[in-house]
C-alpha atoms as a PDB file:
ATOM      1  CA  LYS A   1       0.000   0.000   0.000  1.00  0.00           C
ATOM      2  CA  ALA A   2       1.367   3.425  -0.935  1.00  0.00           C
ATOM      3  CA  ARG A   3       2.035   5.909   1.840  1.00  0.00           C
ATOM      4  CA  SER A   4      -0.447   8.742   2.043  1.00  0.00           C
ATOM      5  CA  ASP A   5       0.923  12.142   2.904  1.00  0.00           C
ATOM      6  CA  ASP A   6      -2.538  13.742   3.088  1.00  0.00           C
ATOM      7  CA  SER A   7      -2.186  13.984   6.870  1.00  0.00           C
ATOM      8  CA  LEU A   8       0.503  16.651   6.322  1.00  0.00           C
ATOM      9  CA  LEU A   9      -2.161  19.122   5.194  1.00  0.00           C
ATOM     10  CA  GLY A  10      -2.882  21.802   7.769  1.00  0.00           C
ATOM     11  CA  LYS A  11       0.421  21.376   9.590  1.00  0.00           C
ATOM     12  CA  THR A  12       3.364  23.696   9.944  1.00  0.00           C
ATOM     13  CA  ALA A  13       6.518  22.870   8.014  1.00  0.00           C
ATOM     14  CA  VAL A  14       8.329  21.583  11.108  1.00  0.00           C
ATOM     15  CA  SER A  15       5.433  19.348  12.146  1.00  0.00           C
ATOM     16  CA  ALA A  16       4.906  18.099   8.588  1.00  0.00           C
ATOM     17  CA  LEU A  17       8.618  17.320   8.177  1.00  0.00           C
ATOM     18  CA  TYR A  18       8.682  15.304  11.412  1.00  0.00           C
ATOM     19  CA  GLU A  19       5.604  13.361  10.296  1.00  0.00           C
ATOM     20  CA  TRP A  20       6.906  12.773   6.758  1.00  0.00           C
ATOM     21  CA  CYS A  21      10.211  11.519   8.150  1.00  0.00           C
ATOM     22  CA  GLY A  22       8.524   9.352  10.783  1.00  0.00           C
ATOM     23  CA  LYS A  23       6.566   7.502   8.101  1.00  0.00           C
ATOM     24  CA  ARG A  24       9.890   6.646   6.457  1.00  0.00           C
ATOM     25  CA  GLN A  25      11.898   5.753   9.583  1.00  0.00           C
ATOM     26  CA  ARG A  26      13.964   8.926   9.345  1.00  0.00           C
ATOM     27  CA  THR A  27      14.555  11.731  11.790  1.00  0.00           C
ATOM     28  CA  PRO A  28      15.061  15.389  10.900  1.00  0.00           C
ATOM     29  CA  ILE A  29      18.020  16.883  12.721  1.00  0.00           C
ATOM     30  CA  PHE A  30      17.861  20.659  13.169  1.00  0.00           C
ATOM     31  CA  GLN A  31      21.047  22.467  14.047  1.00  0.00           C
ATOM     32  CA  GLN A  32      21.578  26.136  14.786  1.00  0.00           C
ATOM     33  CA  GLN A  33      24.512  27.323  12.715  1.00  0.00           C
ATOM     34  CA  ARG A  34      24.993  30.847  13.888  1.00  0.00           C
ATOM     35  CA  SER A  35      23.190  33.743  15.412  1.00  0.00           C
ATOM     36  CA  CYS A  36      23.807  37.428  15.324  1.00  0.00           C
ATOM     37  CA  ILE A  37      21.666  38.943  18.052  1.00  0.00           C
ATOM     38  CA  THR A  38      23.552  42.226  18.010  1.00  0.00           C
ATOM     39  CA  SER A  39      22.418  43.062  14.484  1.00  0.00           C
ATOM     40  CA  GLU A  40      19.138  44.888  13.866  1.00  0.00           C
ATOM     41  CA  PRO A  41      17.081  42.841  13.302  1.00  0.00           C
ATOM     42  CA  PRO A  42      18.785  39.784  14.846  1.00  0.00           C
ATOM     43  CA  GLU A  43      19.576  36.860  12.534  1.00  0.00           C
ATOM     44  CA  PHE A  44      19.466  33.136  13.236  1.00  0.00           C
ATOM     45  CA  ASP A  45      20.547  30.353  10.874  1.00  0.00           C
ATOM     46  CA  PHE A  46      19.340  26.746  11.054  1.00  0.00           C
ATOM     47  CA  THR A  47      20.064  23.726   8.902  1.00  0.00           C
ATOM     48  CA  VAL A  48      18.147  20.457   8.724  1.00  0.00           C
ATOM     49  CA  ALA A  49      19.594  17.059   7.893  1.00  0.00           C
ATOM     50  CA  LEU A  50      18.062  13.586   7.748  1.00  0.00           C
ATOM     51  CA  ASN A  51      19.622  10.858   9.856  1.00  0.00           C
ATOM     52  CA  ASP A  52      20.035   8.579   6.801  1.00  0.00           C
ATOM     53  CA  GLU A  53      21.879  11.173   4.715  1.00  0.00           C
ATOM     54  CA  GLU A  54      25.117  11.016   6.731  1.00  0.00           C
ATOM     55  CA  ASP A  55      23.762  14.002   8.659  1.00  0.00           C
ATOM     56  CA  ARG A  56      24.576  16.332   5.760  1.00  0.00           C
ATOM     57  CA  PRO A  57      22.243  19.342   5.714  1.00  0.00           C
ATOM     58  CA  ILE A  58      19.649  19.200   2.961  1.00  0.00           C
ATOM     59  CA  ALA A  59      18.261  22.694   3.572  1.00  0.00           C
ATOM     60  CA  GLY A  60      18.748  25.806   5.640  1.00  0.00           C
ATOM     61  CA  GLY A  61      16.877  28.865   6.758  1.00  0.00           C
ATOM     62  CA  ARG A  62      17.564  32.309   8.182  1.00  0.00           C
ATOM     63  CA  GLY A  63      15.125  34.306  10.269  1.00  0.00           C
ATOM     64  CA  VAL A  64      14.773  37.027  12.852  1.00  0.00           C
ATOM     65  CA  THR A  65      13.816  34.398  15.468  1.00  0.00           C
ATOM     66  CA  LYS A  66      15.059  30.869  16.041  1.00  0.00           C
ATOM     67  CA  SER A  67      11.572  29.569  15.320  1.00  0.00           C
ATOM     68  CA  ALA A  68      11.325  31.432  12.012  1.00  0.00           C
ATOM     69  CA  ALA A  69      14.724  30.122  10.888  1.00  0.00           C
ATOM     70  CA  LYS A  70      13.807  26.544  11.854  1.00  0.00           C
ATOM     71  CA  HIS A  71      10.454  26.725  10.043  1.00  0.00           C
ATOM     72  CA  LEU A  72      12.109  28.108   6.906  1.00  0.00           C
ATOM     73  CA  ALA A  73      14.683  25.294   6.964  1.00  0.00           C
ATOM     74  CA  ALA A  74      11.880  22.714   7.342  1.00  0.00           C
ATOM     75  CA  ARG A  75       9.879  24.336   4.555  1.00  0.00           C
ATOM     76  CA  ARG A  76      12.829  24.241   2.179  1.00  0.00           C
ATOM     77  CA  ALA A  77      13.540  20.615   3.108  1.00  0.00           C
ATOM     78  CA  LEU A  78       9.941  19.641   2.333  1.00  0.00           C
ATOM     79  CA  GLN A  79      10.139  21.481  -0.988  1.00  0.00           C
ATOM     80  CA  ILE A  80      13.174  19.350  -1.840  1.00  0.00           C
ATOM     81  CA  LEU A  81      11.649  16.097  -0.604  1.00  0.00           C
ATOM     82  CA  LEU A  82       8.117  16.711  -1.952  1.00  0.00           C
ATOM     83  CA  HIS A  83       8.407  18.629  -5.213  1.00  0.00           C
ATOM     84  CA  GLY A  84       5.269  20.700  -5.617  1.00  0.00           C
ATOM     85  CA  VAL A  85       4.319  21.062  -1.943  1.00  0.00           C
ATOM     86  CA  MET A  86       2.725  24.460  -1.304  1.00  0.00           C
ATOM     87  CA  PHE A  87       2.444  26.523   1.851  1.00  0.00           C
ATOM     88  CA  ASP A  88       0.064  29.286   2.855  1.00  0.00           C
ATOM     89  CA  GLU A  89       2.194  32.433   2.805  1.00  0.00           C
ATOM     90  CA  ALA A  90       0.439  34.033   5.779  1.00  0.00           C
ATOM     91  CA  THR A  91       0.389  31.049   8.138  1.00  0.00           C
ATOM     92  CA  GLY A  92       3.131  28.779   6.804  1.00  0.00           C
ATOM     93  CA  ILE A  93       0.928  25.669   6.873  1.00  0.00           C
ATOM     94  CA  VAL A  94       0.923  22.996   4.182  1.00  0.00           C
ATOM     95  CA  ILE A  95      -1.996  23.671   1.831  1.00  0.00           C
ATOM     96  CA  GLN A  96      -1.189  21.462  -1.172  1.00  0.00           C
ATOM     97  CA  LEU A  97       0.795  18.314  -1.774  1.00  0.00           C
ATOM     98  CA  PRO A  98       2.330  17.064  -5.016  1.00  0.00           C
ATOM     99  CA  SER A  99      -0.234  15.480  -7.314  1.00  0.00           C
ATOM    100  CA  SER A 100       1.404  12.049  -7.157  1.00  0.00           C
ATOM    101  CA  SER A 101       0.811  11.760  -3.402  1.00  0.00           C
ATOM    102  CA  SER A 102      -2.624  13.362  -3.365  1.00  0.00           C
ATOM    103  CA  SER A 103      -4.319  12.010  -6.467  1.00  0.00           C
ATOM    104  CA  SER A 104      -7.337  11.042  -4.395  1.00  0.00           C
ATOM    105  CA  ARG A 105      -8.034  14.728  -3.804  1.00  0.00           C
ATOM    106  CA  GLN A 106      -7.768  15.898  -7.405  1.00  0.00           C
ATOM    107  CA  PRO A 107     -11.337  15.020  -8.471  1.00  0.00           C
ATOM    108  CA  HIS A 108     -12.695  16.882  -5.426  1.00  0.00           C
ATOM    109  CA  GLN A 109     -10.593  19.933  -6.260  1.00  0.00           C
ATOM    110  CA  ALA A 110     -11.667  19.888  -9.901  1.00  0.00           C
ATOM    111  CA  ALA A 111     -15.328  19.574  -8.924  1.00  0.00           C
ATOM    112  CA  ALA A 112     -15.054  22.416  -6.424  1.00  0.00           C
ATOM    113  CA  ALA A 113     -13.368  24.634  -8.995  1.00  0.00           C
ATOM    114  CA  ALA A 114     -15.989  23.823 -11.625  1.00  0.00           C
ATOM    115  CA  ALA A 115     -18.788  24.520  -9.160  1.00  0.00           C
ATOM    116  CA  ALA A 116     -17.225  27.861  -8.351  1.00  0.00           C
ATOM    117  CA  GLY A 117     -17.007  28.651 -12.067  1.00  0.00           C
ATOM    118  CA  SER A 118     -13.237  29.007 -11.912  1.00  0.00           C
ATOM    119  CA  THR A 119     -10.289  26.702 -12.455  1.00  0.00           C
ATOM    120  CA  ARG A 120      -8.142  28.665  -9.992  1.00  0.00           C
ATOM    121  CA  ARG A 121      -8.833  28.893  -6.260  1.00  0.00           C
ATOM    122  CA  THR A 122      -7.391  31.224  -3.692  1.00  0.00           C
ATOM    123  CA  ALA A 123      -5.257  29.943  -0.820  1.00  0.00           C
ATOM    124  CA  SER A 124      -8.058  30.595   1.668  1.00  0.00           C
ATOM    125  CA  GLU A 125     -10.477  28.541  -0.453  1.00  0.00           C
ATOM    126  CA  MET A 126      -7.940  25.705  -0.566  1.00  0.00           C
ATOM    127  CA  VAL A 127      -7.500  25.854   3.171  1.00  0.00           C
ATOM    128  CA  ALA A 128     -11.244  25.774   3.835  1.00  0.00           C
ATOM    129  CA  ASP A 129     -12.108  23.049   1.302  1.00  0.00           C
ATOM    130  CA  ASP A 130      -9.067  20.801   1.497  1.00  0.00           C
ATOM    131  CA  LEU A 131      -8.202  21.027   5.167  1.00  0.00           C
ATOM    132  CA  ALA A 132     -11.654  20.798   6.715  1.00  0.00           C
ATOM    133  CA  PRO A 133     -11.812  16.961   6.679  1.00  0.00           C
ATOM    134  CA  ASN A 134      -8.293  16.676   8.144  1.00  0.00           C
ATOM    135  CA  LEU A 135      -8.983  19.295  10.804  1.00  0.00           C
ATOM    136  CA  ALA A 136     -12.298  17.693  11.732  1.00  0.00           C
ATOM    137  CA  LYS A 137     -10.539  14.363  12.171  1.00  0.00           C
ATOM    138  CA  ARG A 138      -7.822  15.983  14.303  1.00  0.00           C
ATOM    139  CA  LEU A 139     -10.456  17.666  16.448  1.00  0.00           C
ATOM    140  CA  ALA A 140     -12.555  14.461  16.568  1.00  0.00           C
ATOM    141  CA  ILE A 141     -15.726  16.237  15.424  1.00  0.00           C
ATOM    142  CA  GLY A 142     -16.321  14.499  12.132  1.00  0.00           C
END
């Protein structure tokens, strides 16, 4: 049976990366590379490696907080590991997965777009339509 990555929808990059790796018996290893707290604004650098890749970093991120740098590193790692993954720019959550791992959702998306009279949906429409089932399951209300 093929692995389904649909459960990554609605999660932050860090959470999604941990889950993706866990399904494949891997562990993401985040490491702070440097920080410059005296600069305005401060800068933090993080890299992420996978434990089966000889601990070589596969992606990195820089941010004004440690959390922002870590999330950017995770986001870039997921973009390398899952070509075509998309994130909501405002919240940083996973809103779309590559078509090969989410083919079961494509008919629903096409039907929703046709019903709306448009073949292109906004990020907020994707979040509402595509994430609702996953969020309901996570909240145990559906």
